[in-house]
PDB file of N, CA and C in Angstrom:
ATOM      1  N   MET A   1       6.586 -17.476  -6.801  1.00  0.00           N
ATOM      2  CA  MET A   1       5.291 -16.760  -6.467  1.00  0.00           C
ATOM      3  C   MET A   1       4.710 -15.952  -7.615  1.00  0.00           C
ATOM      4  N   GLY A   2       5.918 -15.012  -8.076  1.00  0.00           N
ATOM      5  CA  GLY A   2       5.558 -14.167  -9.294  1.00  0.00           C
ATOM      6  C   GLY A   2       4.617 -13.184  -8.705  1.00  0.00           C
ATOM      7  N   ARG A   3       3.775 -12.780  -9.833  1.00  0.00           N
ATOM      8  CA  ARG A   3       2.987 -11.696  -9.414  1.00  0.00           C
ATOM      9  C   ARG A   3       1.874 -11.920  -8.369  1.00  0.00           C
ATOM     10  N   ILE A   4       1.555 -10.933  -7.733  1.00  0.00           N
ATOM     11  CA  ILE A   4       0.558 -11.100  -6.549  1.00  0.00           C
ATOM     12  C   ILE A   4      -0.600 -10.244  -6.991  1.00  0.00           C
ATOM     13  N   SER A   5      -1.816 -11.153  -6.947  1.00  0.00           N
ATOM     14  CA  SER A   5      -3.187 -10.572  -7.386  1.00  0.00           C
ATOM     15  C   SER A   5      -3.969 -10.474  -6.177  1.00  0.00           C
ATOM     16  N   PRO A   6      -4.377  -9.466  -5.745  1.00  0.00           N
ATOM     17  CA  PRO A   6      -5.249  -9.235  -4.463  1.00  0.00           C
ATOM     18  C   PRO A   6      -6.613  -9.973  -4.919  1.00  0.00           C
ATOM     19  N   SER A   7      -7.182 -10.117  -6.044  1.00  0.00           N
ATOM     20  CA  SER A   7      -8.589 -10.713  -6.355  1.00  0.00           C
ATOM     21  C   SER A   7      -8.350 -12.254  -6.034  1.00  0.00           C
ATOM     22  N   ASP A   8      -7.315 -13.022  -6.106  1.00  0.00           N
ATOM     23  CA  ASP A   8      -7.385 -14.395  -6.000  1.00  0.00           C
ATOM     24  C   ASP A   8      -6.953 -14.812  -4.442  1.00  0.00           C
ATOM     25  N   GLY A   9      -6.871 -13.814  -3.665  1.00  0.00           N
ATOM     26  CA  GLY A   9      -6.364 -13.928  -2.388  1.00  0.00           C
ATOM     27  C   GLY A   9      -5.128 -14.158  -2.003  1.00  0.00           C
ATOM     28  N   GLN A  10      -4.340 -14.116  -3.173  1.00  0.00           N
ATOM     29  CA  GLN A  10      -2.741 -14.451  -2.894  1.00  0.00           C
ATOM     30  C   GLN A  10      -2.183 -13.458  -1.974  1.00  0.00           C
ATOM     31  N   LEU A  11      -2.581 -12.123  -2.198  1.00  0.00           N
ATOM     32  CA  LEU A  11      -2.132 -11.103  -1.114  1.00  0.00           C
ATOM     33  C   LEU A  11      -2.405 -11.596   0.201  1.00  0.00           C
ATOM     34  N   ARG A  12      -3.639 -11.683   0.403  1.00  0.00           N
ATOM     35  CA  ARG A  12      -4.176 -12.040   1.898  1.00  0.00           C
ATOM     36  C   ARG A  12      -3.328 -13.365   2.469  1.00  0.00           C
ATOM     37  N   ARG A  13      -2.969 -14.250   1.663  1.00  0.00           N
ATOM     38  CA  ARG A  13      -2.090 -15.446   2.171  1.00  0.00           C
ATOM     39  C   ARG A  13      -0.658 -14.893   2.435  1.00  0.00           C
ATOM     40  N   VAL A  14      -0.171 -14.152   1.750  1.00  0.00           N
ATOM     41  CA  VAL A  14       1.257 -13.503   1.818  1.00  0.00           C
ATOM     42  C   VAL A  14       1.403 -12.689   3.082  1.00  0.00           C
ATOM     43  N   ILE A  15       0.296 -11.785   3.423  1.00  0.00           N
ATOM     44  CA  ILE A  15       0.229 -11.172   4.576  1.00  0.00           C
ATOM     45  C   ILE A  15       0.120 -11.910   5.675  1.00  0.00           C
ATOM     46  N   GLY A  16      -0.821 -12.881   5.627  1.00  0.00           N
ATOM     47  CA  GLY A  16      -1.075 -13.932   6.726  1.00  0.00           C
ATOM     48  C   GLY A  16       0.107 -14.739   7.032  1.00  0.00           C
ATOM     49  N   ARG A  17       0.941 -15.047   6.191  1.00  0.00           N
ATOM     50  CA  ARG A  17       2.019 -15.984   6.518  1.00  0.00           C
ATOM     51  C   ARG A  17       3.216 -15.124   7.072  1.00  0.00           C
ATOM     52  N   ASN A  18       3.255 -13.750   6.562  1.00  0.00           N
ATOM     53  CA  ASN A  18       4.130 -13.080   7.161  1.00  0.00           C
ATOM     54  C   ASN A  18       4.030 -12.533   8.774  1.00  0.00           C
ATOM     55  N   VAL A  19       2.597 -12.191   8.780  1.00  0.00           N
ATOM     56  CA  VAL A  19       2.225 -11.880  10.174  1.00  0.00           C
ATOM     57  C   VAL A  19       2.645 -13.091  11.212  1.00  0.00           C
ATOM     58  N   ARG A  20       2.343 -14.297  10.658  1.00  0.00           N
ATOM     59  CA  ARG A  20       2.406 -15.474  11.505  1.00  0.00           C
ATOM     60  C   ARG A  20       3.905 -15.735  11.861  1.00  0.00           C
ATOM     61  N   ARG A  21       4.735 -15.694  10.753  1.00  0.00           N
ATOM     62  CA  ARG A  21       6.198 -15.698  11.055  1.00  0.00           C
ATOM     63  C   ARG A  21       6.772 -14.749  12.003  1.00  0.00           C
ATOM     64  N   ALA A  22       6.284 -13.478  11.773  1.00  0.00           N
ATOM     65  CA  ALA A  22       6.980 -12.390  12.611  1.00  0.00           C
ATOM     66  C   ALA A  22       6.427 -12.602  14.168  1.00  0.00           C
ATOM     67  N   ARG A  23       5.052 -13.080  14.214  1.00  0.00           N
ATOM     68  CA  ARG A  23       4.709 -13.155  15.551  1.00  0.00           C
ATOM     69  C   ARG A  23       5.161 -14.417  16.249  1.00  0.00           C
ATOM     70  N   GLN A  24       5.556 -15.651  15.489  1.00  0.00           N
ATOM     71  CA  GLN A  24       6.152 -16.661  16.201  1.00  0.00           C
ATOM     72  C   GLN A  24       7.603 -16.532  16.451  1.00  0.00           C
ATOM     73  N   ALA A  25       8.204 -15.679  15.581  1.00  0.00           N
ATOM     74  CA  ALA A  25       9.661 -15.439  15.808  1.00  0.00           C
ATOM     75  C   ALA A  25       9.801 -14.533  17.206  1.00  0.00           C
ATOM     76  N   GLN A  26       8.967 -13.743  17.479  1.00  0.00           N
ATOM     77  CA  GLN A  26       8.812 -13.148  18.835  1.00  0.00           C
ATOM     78  C   GLN A  26       8.498 -13.800  20.091  1.00  0.00           C
ATOM     79  N   GLY A  27       7.889 -14.999  19.648  1.00  0.00           N
ATOM     80  CA  GLY A  27       7.440 -15.933  20.825  1.00  0.00           C
ATOM     81  C   GLY A  27       6.084 -15.743  21.308  1.00  0.00           C
ATOM     82  N   LEU A  28       5.150 -14.888  20.404  1.00  0.00           N
ATOM     83  CA  LEU A  28       3.874 -14.290  20.993  1.00  0.00           C
ATOM     84  C   LEU A  28       2.754 -15.269  20.487  1.00  0.00           C
ATOM     85  N   THR A  29       1.810 -15.471  21.285  1.00  0.00           N
ATOM     86  CA  THR A  29       0.402 -16.002  20.851  1.00  0.00           C
ATOM     87  C   THR A  29      -0.358 -14.822  20.285  1.00  0.00           C
ATOM     88  N   GLN A  30      -1.348 -15.421  19.633  1.00  0.00           N
ATOM     89  CA  GLN A  30      -2.226 -14.469  18.820  1.00  0.00           C
ATOM     90  C   GLN A  30      -2.990 -13.513  19.914  1.00  0.00           C
ATOM     91  N   THR A  31      -3.161 -14.093  20.998  1.00  0.00           N
ATOM     92  CA  THR A  31      -3.912 -13.302  22.223  1.00  0.00           C
ATOM     93  C   THR A  31      -2.805 -12.228  22.620  1.00  0.00           C
ATOM     94  N   HIS A  32      -1.652 -12.597  22.900  1.00  0.00           N
ATOM     95  CA  HIS A  32      -0.471 -11.549  23.153  1.00  0.00           C
ATOM     96  C   HIS A  32      -0.400 -10.558  22.198  1.00  0.00           C
ATOM     97  N   LEU A  33      -0.335 -10.698  20.969  1.00  0.00           N
ATOM     98  CA  LEU A  33      -0.390  -9.859  19.881  1.00  0.00           C
ATOM     99  C   LEU A  33      -1.532  -8.918  19.847  1.00  0.00           C
ATOM    100  N   SER A  34      -2.634  -9.477  20.089  1.00  0.00           N
ATOM    101  CA  SER A  34      -3.977  -8.777  20.095  1.00  0.00           C
ATOM    102  C   SER A  34      -3.915  -7.709  21.165  1.00  0.00           C
ATOM    103  N   VAL A  35      -3.242  -8.015  22.383  1.00  0.00           N
ATOM    104  CA  VAL A  35      -3.141  -7.319  23.484  1.00  0.00           C
ATOM    105  C   VAL A  35      -2.182  -5.935  23.232  1.00  0.00           C
ATOM    106  N   ARG A  36      -1.099  -6.432  22.376  1.00  0.00           N
ATOM    107  CA  ARG A  36      -0.009  -5.395  22.096  1.00  0.00           C
ATOM    108  C   ARG A  36      -0.784  -4.352  21.298  1.00  0.00           C
ATOM    109  N   ILE A  37      -1.522  -4.857  20.217  1.00  0.00           N
ATOM    110  CA  ILE A  37      -2.313  -3.995  19.155  1.00  0.00           C
ATOM    111  C   ILE A  37      -3.161  -2.942  20.014  1.00  0.00           C
ATOM    112  N   GLU A  38      -3.833  -3.651  20.889  1.00  0.00           N
ATOM    113  CA  GLU A  38      -4.803  -2.719  21.635  1.00  0.00           C
ATOM    114  C   GLU A  38      -4.265  -1.537  22.502  1.00  0.00           C
ATOM    115  N   GLN A  39      -2.902  -2.004  23.078  1.00  0.00           N
ATOM    116  CA  GLN A  39      -2.275  -1.238  23.781  1.00  0.00           C
ATOM    117  C   GLN A  39      -1.626   0.022  22.676  1.00  0.00           C
ATOM    118  N   LEU A  40      -1.274  -0.249  21.727  1.00  0.00           N
ATOM    119  CA  LEU A  40      -0.861   0.663  20.717  1.00  0.00           C
ATOM    120  C   LEU A  40      -1.770   1.567  20.257  1.00  0.00           C
ATOM    121  N   ALA A  41      -3.102   1.094  19.846  1.00  0.00           N
ATOM    122  CA  ALA A  41      -4.363   1.785  19.372  1.00  0.00           C
ATOM    123  C   ALA A  41      -4.831   2.613  20.541  1.00  0.00           C
ATOM    124  N   GLY A  42      -4.522   2.142  22.023  1.00  0.00           N
ATOM    125  CA  GLY A  42      -5.327   2.972  22.879  1.00  0.00           C
ATOM    126  C   GLY A  42      -6.966   2.542  22.871  1.00  0.00           C
ATOM    127  N   GLU A  43      -7.290   1.478  22.150  1.00  0.00           N
ATOM    128  CA  GLU A  43      -8.579   0.927  22.151  1.00  0.00           C
ATOM    129  C   GLU A  43      -8.830  -0.259  22.363  1.00  0.00           C
ATOM    130  N   PRO A  44      -9.534  -0.556  23.388  1.00  0.00           N
ATOM    131  CA  PRO A  44      -9.961  -1.967  23.815  1.00  0.00           C
ATOM    132  C   PRO A  44     -10.690  -2.826  22.487  1.00  0.00           C
ATOM    133  N   GLY A  45     -10.663  -3.819  22.225  1.00  0.00           N
ATOM    134  CA  GLY A  45     -11.439  -4.625  21.229  1.00  0.00           C
ATOM    135  C   GLY A  45     -10.994  -4.093  19.853  1.00  0.00           C
ATOM    136  N   VAL A  46     -10.147  -3.424  19.499  1.00  0.00           N
ATOM    137  CA  VAL A  46      -9.655  -3.113  18.197  1.00  0.00           C
ATOM    138  C   VAL A  46      -9.124  -4.246  17.486  1.00  0.00           C
ATOM    139  N   ALA A  47      -8.422  -5.397  18.049  1.00  0.00           N
ATOM    140  CA  ALA A  47      -7.799  -6.526  17.534  1.00  0.00           C
ATOM    141  C   ALA A  47      -7.901  -7.657  18.465  1.00  0.00           C
ATOM    142  N   ARG A  48      -9.035  -8.681  18.015  1.00  0.00           N
ATOM    143  CA  ARG A  48      -9.348  -9.570  18.755  1.00  0.00           C
ATOM    144  C   ARG A  48      -8.458 -10.890  18.380  1.00  0.00           C
ATOM    145  N   GLN A  49      -8.375 -11.792  19.129  1.00  0.00           N
ATOM    146  CA  GLN A  49      -7.452 -12.983  18.819  1.00  0.00           C
ATOM    147  C   GLN A  49      -8.052 -13.720  17.590  1.00  0.00           C
ATOM    148  N   GLY A  50      -9.433 -13.645  17.501  1.00  0.00           N
ATOM    149  CA  GLY A  50     -10.063 -14.318  15.989  1.00  0.00           C
ATOM    150  C   GLY A  50      -9.745 -13.520  14.921  1.00  0.00           C
ATOM    151  N   SER A  51      -9.650 -12.242  15.119  1.00  0.00           N
ATOM    152  CA  SER A  51      -9.241 -11.396  13.893  1.00  0.00           C
ATOM    153  C   SER A  51      -7.966 -11.683  13.444  1.00  0.00           C
ATOM    154  N   ILE A  52      -6.951 -11.882  14.450  1.00  0.00           N
ATOM    155  CA  ILE A  52      -5.558 -12.125  14.070  1.00  0.00           C
ATOM    156  C   ILE A  52      -5.417 -13.607  13.442  1.00  0.00           C
ATOM    157  N   SER A  53      -6.300 -14.479  13.918  1.00  0.00           N
ATOM    158  CA  SER A  53      -6.221 -15.844  13.282  1.00  0.00           C
ATOM    159  C   SER A  53      -6.915 -15.668  11.923  1.00  0.00           C
ATOM    160  N   SER A  54      -7.929 -14.962  11.659  1.00  0.00           N
ATOM    161  CA  SER A  54      -8.276 -14.830  10.175  1.00  0.00           C
ATOM    162  C   SER A  54      -7.440 -14.119   9.307  1.00  0.00           C
ATOM    163  N   ILE A  55      -6.608 -13.113   9.795  1.00  0.00           N
ATOM    164  CA  ILE A  55      -5.662 -12.565   8.996  1.00  0.00           C
ATOM    165  C   ILE A  55      -4.398 -13.595   8.703  1.00  0.00           C
ATOM    166  N   GLU A  56      -4.038 -14.290   9.664  1.00  0.00           N
ATOM    167  CA  GLU A  56      -2.941 -15.214   9.551  1.00  0.00           C
ATOM    168  C   GLU A  56      -3.331 -16.351   8.565  1.00  0.00           C
ATOM    169  N   ARG A  57      -4.541 -16.957   8.686  1.00  0.00           N
ATOM    170  CA  ARG A  57      -5.030 -17.827   7.646  1.00  0.00           C
ATOM    171  C   ARG A  57      -5.370 -17.422   6.248  1.00  0.00           C
ATOM    172  N   GLY A  58      -5.230 -15.980   6.057  1.00  0.00           N
ATOM    173  CA  GLY A  58      -5.496 -15.524   4.473  1.00  0.00           C
ATOM    174  C   GLY A  58      -7.012 -15.294   4.455  1.00  0.00           C
ATOM    175  N   VAL A  59      -7.962 -15.464   5.573  1.00  0.00           N
ATOM    176  CA  VAL A  59      -9.276 -15.438   5.145  1.00  0.00           C
ATOM    177  C   VAL A  59      -9.761 -14.023   5.242  1.00  0.00           C
ATOM    178  N   ARG A  60      -9.093 -13.048   6.093  1.00  0.00           N
ATOM    179  CA  ARG A  60      -9.479 -11.623   6.130  1.00  0.00           C
ATOM    180  C   ARG A  60      -8.354 -10.821   5.811  1.00  0.00           C
ATOM    181  N   SER A  61      -8.554  -9.691   4.947  1.00  0.00           N
ATOM    182  CA  SER A  61      -7.652  -8.687   4.684  1.00  0.00           C
ATOM    183  C   SER A  61      -7.485  -7.651   5.709  1.00  0.00           C
ATOM    184  N   PRO A  62      -6.308  -7.386   6.343  1.00  0.00           N
ATOM    185  CA  PRO A  62      -6.255  -6.286   7.401  1.00  0.00           C
ATOM    186  C   PRO A  62      -6.541  -4.922   6.542  1.00  0.00           C
ATOM    187  N   SER A  63      -7.165  -4.022   7.400  1.00  0.00           N
ATOM    188  CA  SER A  63      -7.186  -2.775   6.904  1.00  0.00           C
ATOM    189  C   SER A  63      -5.739  -2.012   6.933  1.00  0.00           C
ATOM    190  N   VAL A  64      -5.542  -0.663   6.274  1.00  0.00           N
ATOM    191  CA  VAL A  64      -4.222  -0.189   6.247  1.00  0.00           C
ATOM    192  C   VAL A  64      -3.828   0.178   7.768  1.00  0.00           C
ATOM    193  N   GLU A  65      -4.824   0.626   8.531  1.00  0.00           N
ATOM    194  CA  GLU A  65      -4.684   0.927   9.818  1.00  0.00           C
ATOM    195  C   GLU A  65      -4.216  -0.238  10.685  1.00  0.00           C
ATOM    196  N   MET A  66      -4.692  -1.367  10.470  1.00  0.00           N
ATOM    197  CA  MET A  66      -4.494  -2.540  11.195  1.00  0.00           C
ATOM    198  C   MET A  66      -3.071  -2.963  10.845  1.00  0.00           C
ATOM    199  N   LEU A  67      -2.559  -3.057   9.262  1.00  0.00           N
ATOM    200  CA  LEU A  67      -1.357  -3.191   8.881  1.00  0.00           C
ATOM    201  C   LEU A  67      -0.449  -2.653   9.710  1.00  0.00           C
ATOM    202  N   VAL A  68      -0.584  -1.350   9.997  1.00  0.00           N
ATOM    203  CA  VAL A  68       0.336  -0.449  10.569  1.00  0.00           C
ATOM    204  C   VAL A  68       0.639  -0.822  12.073  1.00  0.00           C
ATOM    205  N   LEU A  69      -0.605  -1.110  12.688  1.00  0.00           N
ATOM    206  CA  LEU A  69      -0.451  -1.571  14.084  1.00  0.00           C
ATOM    207  C   LEU A  69       0.178  -2.920  14.250  1.00  0.00           C
ATOM    208  N   LEU A  70      -0.124  -3.876  13.186  1.00  0.00           N
ATOM    209  CA  LEU A  70       0.599  -4.995  13.092  1.00  0.00           C
ATOM    210  C   LEU A  70       2.025  -4.906  13.172  1.00  0.00           C
ATOM    211  N   ALA A  71       2.484  -4.072  12.325  1.00  0.00           N
ATOM    212  CA  ALA A  71       3.725  -3.987  12.071  1.00  0.00           C
ATOM    213  C   ALA A  71       4.601  -3.331  13.395  1.00  0.00           C
ATOM    214  N   SER A  72       3.694  -2.309  13.948  1.00  0.00           N
ATOM    215  CA  SER A  72       4.394  -1.722  14.849  1.00  0.00           C
ATOM    216  C   SER A  72       4.505  -2.806  16.323  1.00  0.00           C
ATOM    217  N   ALA A  73       3.405  -3.507  16.378  1.00  0.00           N
ATOM    218  CA  ALA A  73       3.226  -4.556  17.550  1.00  0.00           C
ATOM    219  C   ALA A  73       4.475  -5.661  17.287  1.00  0.00           C
ATOM    220  N   LEU A  74       4.737  -5.922  16.022  1.00  0.00           N
ATOM    221  CA  LEU A  74       5.795  -7.177  15.797  1.00  0.00           C
ATOM    222  C   LEU A  74       7.147  -6.517  15.492  1.00  0.00           C
ATOM    223  N   ASP A  75       7.080  -5.238  15.518  1.00  0.00           N
ATOM    224  CA  ASP A  75       8.496  -4.556  15.299  1.00  0.00           C
ATOM    225  C   ASP A  75       9.215  -4.907  14.067  1.00  0.00           C
ATOM    226  N   VAL A  76       8.117  -4.831  12.940  1.00  0.00           N
ATOM    227  CA  VAL A  76       8.726  -5.042  11.532  1.00  0.00           C
ATOM    228  C   VAL A  76       8.214  -3.831  10.772  1.00  0.00           C
ATOM    229  N   THR A  77       8.305  -3.636   9.440  1.00  0.00           N
ATOM    230  CA  THR A  77       7.923  -2.664   8.556  1.00  0.00           C
ATOM    231  C   THR A  77       6.676  -3.208   8.064  1.00  0.00           C
ATOM    232  N   VAL A  78       5.570  -2.467   7.560  1.00  0.00           N
ATOM    233  CA  VAL A  78       4.636  -2.769   6.719  1.00  0.00           C
ATOM    234  C   VAL A  78       5.036  -3.485   5.666  1.00  0.00           C
ATOM    235  N   THR A  79       6.211  -2.884   4.832  1.00  0.00           N
ATOM    236  CA  THR A  79       6.643  -3.544   3.719  1.00  0.00           C
ATOM    237  C   THR A  79       6.955  -5.115   4.013  1.00  0.00           C
ATOM    238  N   GLU A  80       7.564  -5.390   5.178  1.00  0.00           N
ATOM    239  CA  GLU A  80       7.826  -6.782   5.535  1.00  0.00           C
ATOM    240  C   GLU A  80       6.454  -7.762   5.622  1.00  0.00           C
ATOM    241  N   LEU A  81       5.454  -7.101   5.923  1.00  0.00           N
ATOM    242  CA  LEU A  81       4.357  -7.662   6.048  1.00  0.00           C
ATOM    243  C   LEU A  81       3.595  -7.992   4.804  1.00  0.00           C
ATOM    244  N   VAL A  82       3.749  -7.366   3.604  1.00  0.00           N
ATOM    245  CA  VAL A  82       3.020  -7.304   2.425  1.00  0.00           C
ATOM    246  C   VAL A  82       3.924  -7.747   1.166  1.00  0.00           C
ATOM    247  N   VAL A  83       5.368  -7.947   1.472  1.00  0.00           N
ATOM    248  CA  VAL A  83       5.929  -8.626   0.446  1.00  0.00           C
ATOM    249  C   VAL A  83       6.295 -10.036   0.484  1.00  0.00           C
ATOM    250  N   ALA A  84       6.018 -10.798  -0.671  1.00  0.00           N
ATOM    251  CA  ALA A  84       6.308 -12.106  -0.757  1.00  0.00           C
ATOM    252  C   ALA A  84       7.818 -12.508  -0.849  1.00  0.00           C
ATOM    253  N   VAL A  85       8.176 -13.178   0.126  1.00  0.00           N
ATOM    254  CA  VAL A  85       9.703 -13.461   0.127  1.00  0.00           C
ATOM    255  C   VAL A  85      10.111 -14.971  -0.320  1.00  0.00           C
ATOM    256  N   SER A  86      10.375 -14.977  -1.464  1.00  0.00           N
ATOM    257  CA  SER A  86      10.483 -16.173  -2.230  1.00  0.00           C
ATOM    258  C   SER A  86      11.356 -15.729  -3.479  1.00  0.00           C
ATOM    259  N   ARG A  87      12.384 -16.603  -4.024  1.00  0.00           N
ATOM    260  CA  ARG A  87      13.130 -16.182  -5.113  1.00  0.00           C
ATOM    261  C   ARG A  87      12.427 -15.833  -6.365  1.00  0.00           C
ATOM    262  N   SER A  88      11.347 -16.459  -6.657  1.00  0.00           N
ATOM    263  CA  SER A  88      10.530 -16.226  -7.749  1.00  0.00           C
ATOM    264  C   SER A  88       9.897 -14.905  -7.716  1.00  0.00           C
ATOM    265  N   ALA A  89       9.536 -14.407  -6.577  1.00  0.00           N
ATOM    266  CA  ALA A  89       8.889 -13.071  -6.228  1.00  0.00           C
ATOM    267  C   ALA A  89       9.999 -11.963  -6.218  1.00  0.00           C
ATOM    268  N   LEU A  90      11.020 -12.457  -6.321  1.00  0.00           N
ATOM    269  CA  LEU A  90      12.240 -11.324  -6.339  1.00  0.00           C
ATOM    270  C   LEU A  90      12.767 -11.021  -7.722  1.00  0.00           C
ATOM    271  N   ARG A  91      12.347 -11.949  -8.605  1.00  0.00           N
ATOM    272  CA  ARG A  91      12.800 -11.693  -9.992  1.00  0.00           C
ATOM    273  C   ARG A  91      12.545 -10.534 -10.657  1.00  0.00           C
ATOM    274  N   PRO A  92      13.411  -9.706 -11.272  1.00  0.00           N
ATOM    275  CA  PRO A  92      12.883  -8.426 -11.998  1.00  0.00           C
ATOM    276  C   PRO A  92      11.990  -8.577 -12.993  1.00  0.00           C
ATOM    277  N   VAL A  93      11.027  -7.677 -12.987  1.00  0.00           N
ATOM    278  CA  VAL A  93       9.750  -7.695 -14.092  1.00  0.00           C
ATOM    279  C   VAL A  93      10.282  -7.039 -15.375  1.00  0.00           C
ATOM    280  N   LYS A  94      10.060  -7.812 -16.473  1.00  0.00           N
ATOM    281  CA  LYS A  94      10.628  -7.260 -17.690  1.00  0.00           C
ATOM    282  C   LYS A  94       9.244  -6.296 -17.995  1.00  0.00           C
ATOM    283  N   VAL A  95       9.746  -4.953 -18.401  1.00  0.00           N
ATOM    284  CA  VAL A  95       8.686  -3.923 -18.727  1.00  0.00           C
ATOM    285  C   VAL A  95       8.767  -3.989 -20.362  1.00  0.00           C
ATOM    286  N   ARG A  96       7.410  -3.902 -20.924  1.00  0.00           N
ATOM    287  CA  ARG A  96       7.560  -4.037 -22.370  1.00  0.00           C
ATOM    288  C   ARG A  96       7.575  -2.489 -22.754  1.00  0.00           C
ATOM    289  N   GLU A  97       8.040  -2.097 -23.757  1.00  0.00           N
ATOM    290  CA  GLU A  97       8.175  -0.880 -24.356  1.00  0.00           C
ATOM    291  C   GLU A  97       7.050  -0.647 -25.186  1.00  0.00           C
ATOM    292  N   CYS A  98       6.657   0.782 -25.156  1.00  0.00           N
ATOM    293  CA  CYS A  98       5.351   1.047 -26.017  1.00  0.00           C
ATOM    294  C   CYS A  98       5.945   1.506 -27.131  1.00  0.00           C
ATOM    295  N   PRO A  99       5.091   1.235 -28.318  1.00  0.00           N
ATOM    296  CA  PRO A  99       5.603   1.689 -29.577  1.00  0.00           C
ATOM    297  C   PRO A  99       5.430   3.302 -29.643  1.00  0.00           C
ATOM    298  N   ARG A 100       6.469   3.898 -30.241  1.00  0.00           N
ATOM    299  CA  ARG A 100       6.381   5.301 -30.276  1.00  0.00           C
ATOM    300  C   ARG A 100       5.119   5.825 -30.519  1.00  0.00           C
ATOM    301  N   SER A 101       4.115   5.195 -31.423  1.00  0.00           N
ATOM    302  CA  SER A 101       2.815   5.945 -31.795  1.00  0.00           C
ATOM    303  C   SER A 101       1.961   5.858 -30.528  1.00  0.00           C
ATOM    304  N   GLN A 102       2.221   5.150 -29.541  1.00  0.00           N
ATOM    305  CA  GLN A 102       1.431   4.966 -28.356  1.00  0.00           C
ATOM    306  C   GLN A 102       1.934   5.824 -27.485  1.00  0.00           C
ATOM    307  N   GLN A 103       3.019   6.440 -27.367  1.00  0.00           N
ATOM    308  CA  GLN A 103       3.596   7.260 -26.286  1.00  0.00           C
ATOM    309  C   GLN A 103       3.155   8.607 -26.253  1.00  0.00           C
ATOM    310  N   ALA A 104       3.009   9.181 -24.925  1.00  0.00           N
ATOM    311  CA  ALA A 104       2.179  10.550 -24.743  1.00  0.00           C
ATOM    312  C   ALA A 104       3.244  11.455 -25.382  1.00  0.00           C
ATOM    313  N   ALA A 105       2.476  12.508 -25.821  1.00  0.00           N
ATOM    314  CA  ALA A 105       3.090  13.527 -26.433  1.00  0.00           C
ATOM    315  C   ALA A 105       3.674  14.431 -25.424  1.00  0.00           C
ATOM    316  N   PRO A 106       4.764  15.079 -25.432  1.00  0.00           N
ATOM    317  CA  PRO A 106       5.469  16.113 -24.306  1.00  0.00           C
ATOM    318  C   PRO A 106       4.655  17.245 -24.263  1.00  0.00           C
TER     319      PRO A 106
END
């Protein structure tokens, strides 16, 4: 997968795929997940089944608050929801050195 660019929807798709995998691993429906999120948030209507579906399909980006709620409801970390899990995504990134003339002065 390589670099993830939020502008081309790749990050939304990664998050969506990870949310779906975590939800299915727990045997939850989207409706059950939305109920868990509402219980954690203490607010009815904070997560509807349709919004969970949009996130899973990569159509909608969840807010930071929603990512935290999703992670809590699915018993995973936020990192597990946003990191692309593939061999190519885990390759080390080569950092290009700046020529001395462009380095910041101490």
